[in-house]
Protein backbone atom coordinates (compact mmCIF):
# COMPACT_ATOMS: atom_id res chain seq x y z
CA MET A 1 75.87 102.14 62.50
CA THR A 2 78.14 101.53 65.34
CA ASP A 3 77.77 99.48 68.50
CA LYS A 4 77.39 101.62 71.55
CA ARG A 5 79.09 99.30 73.28
CA HIS A 6 82.24 100.32 70.97
CA ARG A 7 81.52 103.87 70.95
CA ALA A 8 83.93 106.58 73.16
CA GLY A 9 82.73 106.92 76.47
CA PRO A 10 82.65 110.11 78.23
CA THR A 11 85.99 109.77 80.45
CA ASP A 12 87.83 107.89 77.18
CA ILE A 13 90.64 110.18 75.78
CA SER A 14 91.59 109.99 72.12
CA ASP A 15 93.87 113.11 72.38
CA PRO A 16 97.20 111.57 73.25
CA LEU A 17 98.31 115.70 74.52
CA LEU A 18 95.29 115.69 76.32
CA TRP A 19 95.75 111.82 78.37
CA ILE A 20 99.08 113.41 79.37
CA GLU A 21 97.23 116.53 80.83
CA ALA A 22 94.91 114.17 82.09
CA ARG A 23 97.44 112.17 83.73
CA ARG A 24 99.37 114.99 85.58
CA ALA A 25 96.18 116.55 87.01
CA SER A 26 95.69 113.01 88.35
CA VAL A 27 99.28 113.07 89.91
CA TRP A 28 98.27 116.57 92.11
CA LEU A 29 94.68 115.33 93.35
CA GLY A 30 96.28 112.83 94.16
CA LEU A 31 98.92 114.49 96.07
CA ALA A 32 96.23 117.20 97.39
CA ALA A 33 94.04 113.87 98.90
CA MET A 34 97.14 112.49 100.29
CA LEU A 35 97.33 115.96 101.94
CA VAL A 36 94.34 116.22 102.79
CA LEU A 37 94.31 112.33 104.59
CA GLY A 38 97.64 113.10 106.20
CA VAL A 39 96.22 116.21 108.13
CA TYR A 40 93.34 113.93 109.65
CA LEU A 41 95.81 111.24 110.20
CA ALA A 42 98.59 113.34 111.73
CA GLN A 43 98.11 112.26 115.17
CA PRO A 44 98.81 108.44 115.03
CA LEU A 45 101.48 108.84 111.91
CA LEU A 46 103.32 110.60 114.88
CA VAL A 47 102.61 107.84 117.16
CA ILE A 48 104.00 105.50 114.54
CA PHE A 49 107.22 107.65 114.06
CA ALA A 50 107.69 108.23 117.73
CA GLY A 51 107.28 103.88 117.44
CA LEU A 52 110.27 104.51 114.54
CA VAL A 53 112.44 106.56 117.15
CA PHE A 54 111.95 104.18 119.85
CA ALA A 55 112.56 101.25 117.85
CA ALA A 56 115.94 103.48 116.63
CA MET A 57 116.82 103.59 120.67
CA ILE A 58 116.47 99.60 120.97
CA ASP A 59 118.55 98.68 117.81
CA GLY A 60 121.26 101.06 118.73
CA GLY A 61 121.23 99.40 122.19
CA ALA A 62 121.34 95.73 120.59
CA ARG A 63 123.55 96.76 117.98
CA LEU A 64 126.23 98.20 121.04
CA LEU A 65 125.28 94.74 123.23
CA GLY A 66 126.38 93.26 120.03
CA ARG A 67 129.91 93.96 120.25
CA VAL A 68 130.43 92.18 123.77
CA LEU A 69 127.93 89.93 123.75
CA PRO A 70 127.80 87.20 120.88
CA ILE A 71 124.14 86.47 121.59
CA THR A 72 120.81 86.25 119.38
CA ARG A 73 120.00 89.68 118.76
CA GLY A 74 116.39 88.64 120.71
CA LEU A 75 118.11 88.57 123.95
CA ARG A 76 119.90 91.50 123.26
CA VAL A 77 116.73 93.72 122.20
CA ALA A 78 115.53 91.74 125.93
CA ILE A 79 118.14 93.44 127.88
CA VAL A 80 118.09 96.41 126.82
CA LEU A 81 114.32 96.67 127.11
CA VAL A 82 114.49 95.11 130.88
CA PHE A 83 117.08 98.32 131.64
CA ALA A 84 114.92 101.00 130.15
CA LEU A 85 112.17 99.21 131.67
CA ALA A 86 113.93 99.32 135.61
CA PHE A 87 114.42 103.20 134.04
CA LEU A 88 110.81 104.19 133.95
CA ILE A 89 109.56 101.87 137.20
CA PHE A 90 112.36 104.49 139.16
CA THR A 91 111.28 107.81 137.61
CA ALA A 92 108.01 106.43 138.33
CA ALA A 93 108.15 105.21 141.89
CA TYR A 94 110.85 108.70 143.02
CA ALA A 95 109.57 111.38 140.98
CA GLY A 96 105.84 110.86 139.86
CA SER A 97 104.52 112.00 143.13
CA GLN A 98 107.81 114.81 143.87
CA ILE A 99 107.19 116.34 140.14
CA ALA A 100 103.54 117.03 141.53
CA GLN A 101 104.27 118.28 144.32
CA GLN A 102 107.03 120.61 143.12
CA ALA A 103 104.46 122.11 140.12
CA ALA A 104 102.02 122.99 142.69
CA GLN A 105 105.08 124.67 145.02
CA LEU A 106 106.48 126.32 141.62
CA PRO A 107 103.32 129.37 141.30
CA ALA A 108 104.18 130.07 145.11
CA ILE A 109 108.29 130.21 144.43
CA ILE A 110 107.80 132.16 141.72
CA GLN A 111 105.57 135.01 142.74
CA ALA A 112 107.27 135.51 146.03
CA GLN A 113 110.60 135.98 144.37
CA ALA A 114 108.56 138.46 142.07
CA LEU A 115 107.49 140.48 144.54
CA ARG A 116 111.36 140.07 146.40
CA THR A 117 112.58 141.47 143.53
CA ALA A 118 110.37 144.38 143.09
CA ALA A 119 110.87 145.24 147.09
CA TRP A 120 114.57 145.33 145.96
CA LEU A 121 114.19 147.99 143.15
CA THR A 122 112.22 149.98 145.50
CA VAL A 123 114.63 150.27 148.06
CA HIS A 124 117.21 151.15 145.70
CA GLY A 125 114.95 154.28 143.99
CA VAL A 126 113.43 152.13 141.14
CA ASN A 127 109.69 152.68 140.97
CA VAL A 128 107.79 149.35 140.87
CA ASP A 129 104.11 149.20 140.04
CA PHE A 130 103.40 145.73 141.95
CA ALA A 131 100.22 145.19 140.49
CA SER A 132 101.86 145.02 136.77
CA ILE A 133 105.12 142.62 138.75
CA SER A 134 102.29 140.49 139.65
CA GLY A 135 100.45 140.39 136.43
CA LEU A 136 103.50 139.18 134.93
CA ALA A 137 103.82 136.75 137.43
CA GLU A 138 100.48 135.24 137.21
CA LYS A 139 101.65 135.16 133.15
CA ALA A 140 104.76 133.90 134.48
CA LEU A 141 102.82 131.00 136.46
CA GLY A 142 100.63 130.47 133.79
CA GLY A 143 103.69 129.34 131.38
CA VAL A 144 105.67 127.52 134.03
CA GLY A 145 102.00 125.64 134.57
CA GLN A 146 101.71 124.66 130.78
CA VAL A 147 105.10 123.38 131.30
CA THR A 148 104.98 121.29 134.03
CA SER A 149 101.42 119.89 132.89
CA ALA A 150 103.09 118.81 129.78
CA VAL A 151 105.69 117.36 131.34
CA GLY A 152 102.79 115.26 134.10
CA GLY A 153 101.13 114.53 131.02
CA LEU A 154 104.38 112.72 128.99
CA LEU A 155 104.50 110.62 132.37
CA GLY A 156 101.01 109.95 132.28
CA ALA A 157 100.55 109.39 128.53
CA VAL A 158 100.05 105.49 129.30
CA GLY A 159 98.07 104.07 126.49
CA THR A 160 100.15 106.24 123.89
CA ALA A 161 103.26 105.28 124.72
CA PHE A 162 102.26 101.98 125.18
CA LEU A 163 101.58 101.88 121.64
CA ILE A 164 104.41 103.68 120.59
CA ALA A 165 106.58 100.85 123.16
CA VAL A 166 104.91 97.68 121.61
CA MET A 167 105.10 99.22 117.69
CA GLY A 168 109.47 100.23 118.76
CA ILE A 169 109.45 96.64 119.84
CA TYR A 170 108.19 95.02 116.95
CA LEU A 171 110.20 97.18 114.40
CA ALA A 172 113.50 96.54 116.22
CA LEU A 173 113.24 93.22 116.82
CA GLU A 174 112.82 92.44 112.96
CA PRO A 175 113.50 95.86 111.22
CA GLN A 176 114.53 93.82 107.97
CA LEU A 177 110.99 92.42 107.41
CA TYR A 178 109.35 95.44 107.92
CA ARG A 179 111.86 97.26 105.50
CA ARG A 180 111.64 95.31 102.45
CA GLY A 181 107.91 94.68 103.10
CA VAL A 182 107.29 98.74 102.56
CA ALA A 183 110.18 98.50 99.52
CA TRP A 184 107.93 95.40 98.05
CA MET A 185 104.85 97.96 97.90
CA LEU A 186 107.52 100.01 95.18
CA PRO A 187 108.54 99.95 91.98
CA VAL A 188 111.33 97.19 91.18
CA ALA A 189 113.04 100.78 89.87
CA GLU A 190 112.25 102.76 93.23
CA ARG A 191 113.48 99.57 95.81
CA GLU A 192 117.14 99.94 95.82
CA ASN A 193 117.02 103.88 96.17
CA PHE A 194 114.87 103.12 98.69
CA GLU A 195 116.63 100.09 100.56
CA THR A 196 119.58 102.47 100.78
CA THR A 197 118.04 105.26 102.17
CA ALA A 198 116.12 103.75 104.71
CA ILE A 199 119.81 101.96 106.09
CA GLN A 200 121.12 105.67 105.99
CA MET A 201 118.10 107.05 108.01
CA GLY A 202 118.72 104.21 109.97
CA ARG A 203 122.18 105.38 111.07
CA VAL A 204 121.72 108.78 111.42
CA LEU A 205 118.26 108.23 113.64
CA ARG A 206 120.26 105.65 116.47
CA ARG A 207 123.22 108.18 116.60
CA LEU A 208 121.04 111.15 116.87
CA MET A 209 119.29 109.04 120.11
CA ALA A 210 122.46 107.76 121.22
CA GLY A 211 123.97 111.41 121.53
CA ARG A 212 120.84 112.57 123.06
CA LEU A 213 120.77 110.16 125.51
CA VAL A 214 124.49 110.66 126.08
CA GLY A 215 123.32 114.65 127.25
CA MET A 216 120.67 113.61 128.86
CA PHE A 217 122.82 111.05 130.95
CA VAL A 218 125.69 114.16 131.35
CA GLU A 219 123.57 116.44 132.15
CA GLY A 220 120.85 114.52 134.91
CA ILE A 221 123.96 113.56 136.89
CA ALA A 222 125.95 116.67 136.90
CA THR A 223 123.30 118.60 137.85
CA TRP A 224 122.30 116.06 140.49
CA ILE A 225 125.75 115.69 142.27
CA MET A 226 126.69 119.47 141.70
CA LEU A 227 123.46 120.63 143.55
CA ALA A 228 123.88 117.75 146.24
CA VAL A 229 127.49 119.09 147.48
CA TYR A 230 126.00 122.73 148.07
CA GLY A 231 122.97 121.40 149.74
CA VAL A 232 120.11 122.48 147.48
CA PRO A 233 116.58 121.07 148.49
CA MET A 234 115.48 118.39 145.86
CA ALA A 235 118.97 117.91 144.57
CA ALA A 236 118.16 114.36 143.25
CA LEU A 237 114.85 115.18 141.55
CA LEU A 238 116.54 118.75 139.91
CA GLY A 239 118.79 116.48 138.18
CA LEU A 240 116.61 113.89 137.04
CA LEU A 241 114.23 116.42 135.50
CA THR A 242 117.30 118.18 133.77
CA GLY A 243 117.78 114.38 132.45
CA LEU A 244 114.87 113.88 131.31
CA LEU A 245 114.17 118.04 129.65
CA ALA A 246 117.67 117.41 128.34
CA PHE A 247 115.37 115.38 125.50
CA LEU A 248 113.88 118.73 124.16
CA PRO A 249 116.80 120.36 122.47
CA ASN A 250 116.88 124.74 122.53
CA ILE A 251 113.59 124.36 125.26
CA GLY A 252 114.51 121.89 127.79
CA ALA A 253 117.44 123.66 129.20
CA PRO A 254 115.73 126.76 129.93
CA VAL A 255 113.14 124.98 131.46
CA SER A 256 114.72 122.81 134.03
CA GLY A 257 117.28 125.74 134.76
CA LEU A 258 114.26 127.71 135.73
CA LEU A 259 113.14 125.09 137.96
CA MET A 260 116.66 125.02 139.57
CA ILE A 261 117.03 129.09 139.62
CA MET A 262 113.59 129.34 141.43
CA VAL A 263 114.41 126.74 144.16
CA GLY A 264 117.43 128.16 144.75
CA PHE A 265 116.59 131.16 145.36
CA SER A 266 113.64 129.93 147.79
CA VAL A 267 116.43 129.61 150.16
CA ASP A 268 118.78 132.50 149.74
CA ASN A 269 120.37 134.45 147.64
CA GLY A 270 123.51 132.61 148.14
CA THR A 271 121.99 129.35 147.01
CA GLY A 272 120.19 130.94 144.01
CA LEU A 273 122.94 132.07 142.73
CA TYR A 274 125.20 128.99 143.03
CA CYS A 275 121.84 127.11 140.85
CA ILE A 276 122.52 129.72 137.94
CA ALA A 277 126.43 129.01 137.82
CA VAL A 278 125.27 125.37 137.85
CA TYR A 279 123.18 125.71 135.05
CA PHE A 280 126.32 127.66 133.25
CA ILE A 281 128.28 125.58 133.73
CA VAL A 282 126.64 122.28 133.22
CA GLN A 283 125.53 123.82 129.76
CA THR A 284 128.96 125.20 128.72
CA VAL A 285 130.04 121.78 129.11
CA ASP A 286 127.62 119.63 127.07
CA GLY A 287 127.20 122.71 124.30
CA ASN A 288 130.89 123.17 123.67
CA ILE A 289 131.98 119.76 124.51
CA ILE A 290 129.49 116.81 124.66
CA VAL A 291 127.28 117.86 121.57
CA PRO A 292 130.04 119.01 119.11
CA MET A 293 131.45 115.96 119.49
CA ILE A 294 128.37 113.84 119.28
CA ALA A 295 127.30 116.12 116.23
CA LYS A 296 130.22 115.16 113.95
CA LYS A 297 128.77 111.79 114.01
CA THR A 298 125.39 112.64 113.81
CA ALA A 299 122.94 114.42 111.32
CA ASP A 300 124.89 117.87 112.24
CA LEU A 301 121.29 119.78 112.30
CA ALA A 302 121.35 123.57 112.39
CA PRO A 303 120.10 124.77 115.56
CA ALA A 304 117.85 127.19 113.98
CA LEU A 305 116.36 124.35 111.75
CA VAL A 306 115.77 122.74 114.45
CA LEU A 307 114.13 125.33 116.86
CA GLY A 308 111.89 126.43 114.34
CA ALA A 309 110.50 122.71 114.26
CA GLN A 310 110.08 122.61 117.39
CA LEU A 311 108.19 125.07 117.63
CA ILE A 312 105.80 124.85 114.56
CA MET A 313 105.40 120.87 115.55
CA GLY A 314 105.23 122.01 119.90
CA ALA A 315 102.24 124.06 118.48
CA LEU A 316 100.24 121.41 116.31
CA PHE A 317 100.90 118.81 118.25
CA GLY A 318 101.71 119.84 121.86
CA ILE A 319 104.54 117.52 123.83
CA LEU A 320 104.79 114.68 121.54
CA GLY A 321 105.33 116.82 118.62
CA LEU A 322 108.25 118.91 120.49
CA MET A 323 109.94 115.92 121.13
CA LEU A 324 110.28 114.52 117.81
CA ALA A 325 110.95 117.40 116.03
CA ASP A 326 114.28 117.22 115.09
CA PRO A 327 114.53 113.14 114.65
CA MET A 328 112.09 114.04 111.67
CA VAL A 329 114.10 117.00 110.20
CA ALA A 330 117.09 114.70 110.74
CA MET A 331 114.96 111.98 108.52
CA ILE A 332 113.52 114.78 106.06
CA LYS A 333 117.54 115.95 105.54
CA VAL A 334 118.78 112.36 104.80
CA ALA A 335 115.84 111.80 102.21
CA LEU A 336 116.72 115.06 100.36
CA GLU A 337 120.21 114.65 100.55
CA ARG A 338 119.82 111.38 99.06
CA GLN A 339 118.06 112.51 96.28
CA SER A 340 120.45 115.32 95.47
CA GLU A 341 122.63 112.88 94.90
CA ARG A 342 120.73 110.57 93.11
CA ASN A 343 120.02 113.19 90.81
CA HIS A 344 123.64 114.43 90.30
CA ALA A 345 124.49 110.52 89.47
CA GLU A 346 121.53 110.87 86.71
CA ALA A 347 123.07 113.82 85.41
CA GLY A 348 126.46 111.96 84.94
CA GLY A 349 128.64 113.56 87.82
CA GLY A 350 128.44 116.73 86.02
């Protein structure tokens, strides 16, 4: 009689074809499990990715300083962090309370402008339902309130920002250490491809963030100067908000423009029209000169693709997802391009 210890068990598969199918099934089950795990861990994973984006910004600044300062990488990273911290302190000290005050003033400004427009239409023979106008104004106030709350929440999310900053600093100080660590967990045959892809992703991310910072600086300074020259109230604050919201492509500009125009029309029609002109001039220069010039050296992402990703990420993860939508799309694009190049090389270049 055969010893039971040597008999085939219920999990033993002797048929080679069945074994192949079982391996395929295990792969799909593993992918499904990873998808479920990703859904549950989406928020922490998003914070980790935000740390990578912040590390890319620090790394870009350190590399730029390395061209003019022959000092160690640690000192260059420290200089970049000191400048970033100084800017954050200035923003919190100067604009923190002002943003809350302006958010409180915006409902009255928007409602007053809506009723003023309705009265102007009535004078010119257009039958206007003031109740409907008030309802539309309330809906607009709700939308603007959500946006200003999101901006305020962004500035007040100290815990998440601290985690992102600490993670970004660690990654920026020794990026090769973490890249080698992740590569070590991969099969030997995949490590070289991962290294190449990770280096290319880092290069694209640095350039994307550098372009974003340049756009923020240009829009913020230009808006502040042009509004201050005309005497628009809160010119410096509006310029600061315009620069900060420029970090959100496609969405930040209309929000900052709305704030600017509402403040302008709260003074008089001439100031409101001037604010409209400032908005279009700044956005035209940024959209037709700065962005195309920078896009040639970055990921060159399609605007509709970025906007779609922003809508999805914003709906799923709020302001943090909205901010990280286009860096994530850029990384996915690099990964797909690398895989396409690899498939082409394996196919013999045919």
